[in-house]
Amino acid sequence: MEDFEYKALLFDFYGNMLTEGQRTAFEEHVIEDLTVSEIAQNREVSRQAASDLLKRTERILKDYEAKLHLVEKFLNIRQRTEGIDKIARERGEDDILALTREILEEL
């Protein structure tokens, strides 16, 4: 999994547990793809301050994941459901295939 996708998942699962400033900065960097310099300029802080904020926020998100494992569980469920989907396609099990497709769409 790419670093971007992992950070986006961390943000999806735990972003609401961040402060407003942390949430906004991380969203700007990871989701909106703003550079550290652009974030620093928007916040009227030094580039180092913006970089420190992003590093600290990422560490906080990873700490949540280390304790709760929600992203890990999500990825496991997605992988297993994709496996079931593949088997259902190979066997022509339309009812199972429909169910796995529903699950994958909800994930």
Protein backbone atom coordinates (compact mmCIF):
# COMPACT_ATOMS: atom_id res chain seq x y z
CA MET A 1 0.00 0.00 0.00
CA GLU A 2 1.26 3.44 -0.85
CA ASP A 3 2.15 5.87 1.90
CA PHE A 4 -0.48 8.32 0.63
CA GLU A 5 -3.26 5.73 0.82
CA TYR A 6 -2.21 4.69 4.31
CA LYS A 7 -2.13 8.28 5.55
CA ALA A 8 -5.54 8.92 3.97
CA LEU A 9 -6.96 5.87 5.74
CA LEU A 10 -5.46 6.97 9.05
CA PHE A 11 -7.09 10.35 8.53
CA ASP A 12 -10.45 8.79 7.60
CA PHE A 13 -10.51 6.63 10.71
CA TYR A 14 -8.96 8.93 13.30
CA GLY A 15 -9.12 12.46 11.88
CA ASN A 16 -12.03 13.44 14.10
CA MET A 17 -9.87 12.79 17.15
CA LEU A 18 -7.38 15.50 16.15
CA THR A 19 -7.55 19.15 17.08
CA GLU A 20 -8.97 21.47 14.44
CA GLY A 21 -5.50 22.77 13.56
CA GLN A 22 -4.02 19.29 13.24
CA ARG A 23 -6.98 18.07 11.21
CA THR A 24 -6.90 21.01 8.82
CA ALA A 25 -3.14 20.90 8.25
CA PHE A 26 -3.06 17.14 7.71
CA GLU A 27 -6.04 17.28 5.36
CA GLU A 28 -4.40 20.06 3.36
CA HIS A 29 -1.18 18.09 3.07
CA VAL A 30 -2.48 14.56 2.45
CA ILE A 31 -5.86 15.06 0.79
CA GLU A 32 -5.43 18.41 -0.96
CA ASP A 33 -1.72 17.74 -1.68
CA LEU A 34 -0.46 21.12 -0.44
CA THR A 35 3.26 21.39 0.23
CA VAL A 36 4.67 22.13 3.65
CA SER A 37 5.61 25.59 2.38
CA GLU A 38 2.04 26.27 1.24
CA ILE A 39 0.65 25.15 4.59
CA ALA A 40 3.18 27.36 6.40
CA GLN A 41 2.20 30.32 4.26
CA ASN A 42 -1.54 29.72 4.82
CA ARG A 43 -0.99 29.55 8.58
CA GLU A 44 1.54 32.37 8.66
CA VAL A 45 4.12 30.20 10.42
CA SER A 46 7.60 29.03 9.53
CA ARG A 47 8.09 26.06 7.26
CA GLN A 48 9.69 24.26 10.22
CA ALA A 49 6.61 24.86 12.39
CA ALA A 50 4.32 23.49 9.66
CA SER A 51 6.60 20.48 9.17
CA ASP A 52 6.66 19.80 12.91
CA LEU A 53 2.87 20.00 13.07
CA LEU A 54 2.48 17.51 10.23
CA LYS A 55 5.00 15.08 11.72
CA ARG A 56 3.41 15.31 15.16
CA THR A 57 -0.05 14.79 13.68
CA GLU A 58 1.05 11.76 11.69
CA ARG A 59 2.64 10.30 14.82
CA ILE A 60 -0.62 10.84 16.73
CA LEU A 61 -2.61 9.08 14.00
CA LYS A 62 -0.16 6.17 13.97
CA ASP A 63 -0.39 5.95 17.77
CA TYR A 64 -4.18 5.66 17.51
CA GLU A 65 -3.76 2.91 14.93
CA ALA A 66 -1.21 1.09 17.12
CA LYS A 67 -3.77 1.01 19.93
CA LEU A 68 -7.02 0.46 18.02
CA HIS A 69 -5.98 -1.33 14.78
CA LEU A 70 -9.03 -0.06 12.89
CA VAL A 71 -7.18 0.49 9.60
CA GLU A 72 -5.57 -2.94 9.88
CA LYS A 73 -8.97 -4.56 10.48
CA PHE A 74 -10.52 -2.61 7.62
CA LEU A 75 -7.77 -3.72 5.22
CA ASN A 76 -8.14 -7.33 6.37
CA ILE A 77 -11.89 -7.27 5.79
CA ARG A 78 -11.43 -5.69 2.37
CA GLN A 79 -8.80 -8.26 1.36
CA ARG A 80 -10.89 -11.22 2.53
CA THR A 81 -14.02 -9.89 0.86
CA GLU A 82 -12.10 -9.44 -2.40
CA GLY A 83 -10.97 -13.07 -2.07
CA ILE A 84 -14.55 -14.24 -1.59
CA ASP A 85 -15.59 -12.08 -4.55
CA LYS A 86 -12.97 -13.75 -6.75
CA ILE A 87 -14.08 -17.25 -5.76
CA ALA A 88 -17.74 -16.34 -6.29
CA ARG A 89 -16.94 -15.04 -9.80
CA GLU A 90 -15.02 -18.21 -10.67
CA ARG A 91 -17.86 -20.44 -9.45
CA GLY A 92 -20.69 -18.33 -10.87
CA GLU A 93 -22.21 -17.80 -7.44
CA ASP A 94 -24.30 -14.75 -8.29
CA ASP A 95 -25.92 -14.38 -4.88
CA ILE A 96 -22.56 -14.44 -3.09
CA LEU A 97 -21.07 -12.18 -5.75
CA ALA A 98 -23.86 -9.64 -5.22
CA LEU A 99 -23.29 -9.69 -1.47
CA THR A 100 -19.52 -9.24 -1.74
CA ARG A 101 -19.99 -6.39 -4.18
CA GLU A 102 -22.32 -4.67 -1.69
CA ILE A 103 -19.77 -5.10 1.08
CA LEU A 104 -16.91 -3.79 -1.06
CA GLU A 105 -18.94 -0.75 -2.10
CA GLU A 106 -19.66 0.06 1.54
CA LEU A 107 -16.00 -0.21 2.47
